[in-house]
Amino acid sequence: MMRAEPLHIALLGTRGVPPRYGGFETFVSELGMRLVSRGHRVTVYCAVQNEDGVAELWQGIHRIEIGAIRHKYLETVSRTFLSSVDALRRSVDVALVCNAANAFVLPIFRAARVPVAINVDGIERKRKKWNALGRATYLAGEAFSAGFADQIVADADVIAHYYRDRFVARALVIPYGSEFPAGEVDSDVLARLGVASREYLLYVSRFEPENNPLAVVEAYARVETSVPLVMVGDAPYSRALIEELKRKADSRVILPGAIYGIDYRTLQRNALFYVQATEVGGTHPALIEAMASGGAVLANDTPENREVGADAVGYFLVEDRASLASAMHGWLADTRSLDEWRGKARRRARERYGWEAVTDAYESLFLDLAGRKSSRS
């Protein structure tokens, strides 16, 4: 284990902990808990969840709730700006900003001589939900990341190559992690949803256009099967899409909303197979989590998903509904082959995407940025 002088590390740009929204929130919780266990002080900036807004402790992490402008385009950036101001007031040793859209705060840290890294996520401006202003904001964020971060962090080689080619900027690749607790007892979520182990298909993602929930429902409608499809997800600014999804989903589709924690892990562990339909971004957490759970996975054939899944995952083309329908039909017709897929997926996740190795890499980065020396015992 790495031994070093403790740091005060600020993690900002997400909705915070406990994780109840998406991949970045799970990331800061898993990383933060492990950094705390190694003796560091970790402050995570969070969306307001109660009225007093004071700092609290969660799993050893110092939570600070920060208000924001409630608007699709302004909520995250306004919270991140106020978080940055607060972090500088607390004399943190190093900061990690999440999401290239928040890169406009990097000059603030540089001016204050506080080392700062940014996890840029994927190439977010390609997401269908953004208008021209949103895409321009993300492009500016990419340029700010290249110009003002002490270190860009990418979670996939594909994203690192993009920053190298477009901005001549070096990005450090640190993947997302995933580990399922050994021996964890399943919750009763299957009974609550009316499904049985290995007798349902699973989709998990925020219901946003580039995650293609409609494409999955439309492809599934072409498959003659009594095996239900459980679609886990929600999105605060996608009401119209969610309503359309409900209209197109037939009686076999179950829409329970967002699910987290042990209920989520139980669903991943027990699915017949999992469908990953995202088309933009870097490493998608739900894909790695499905693999780590021992799940058989069908994924949209993108360079990012290929980098994660390699030959341990099956692939389809999301723009071709027949491609996904055919893949679903093939696996439903040959369920005995799924055990081999599950074994390959679990092995790849265990070998490449463990949270301890991810924490090692971030801890080393933070120590380097803060100018501290460490030694191994």
Foldseek 3Di string as FASTA:
>chain_A
DWAFDAFEEEEALDQEPPDFAFDVNVQCVLLVLVSVVNPYAYEYEHADDDDPQDWDADSRHTYGHFYWDPDPLTRRQRSRQVVLVVVVVVPGQEYEHEALLNLVCLVVCVVSVRAYEYAHWWQVLPFPVDDPVSSVSSVVSLQSNQVRHPAYEYQAVVRQVVCCVPPVGGHHHQHAFAADDPPDDADCLCVVQVHDFLQAEEEEDAQGVQQPPVLLQVLQVVADDLRAYEYEHYDPPPVVSVVVSVVSHDPRYHYPYHDDDRNVLNCLLRYLAYEGEHDITAAGVVLLHSLQSLHAYEYEDDPRVCRQCPVLHHYFHSVDSPRVSVVVNVCVVPSVCGNVSSVSSNVSSVVRHHSVVSSVVVVVVSCVSSVIDIDDD
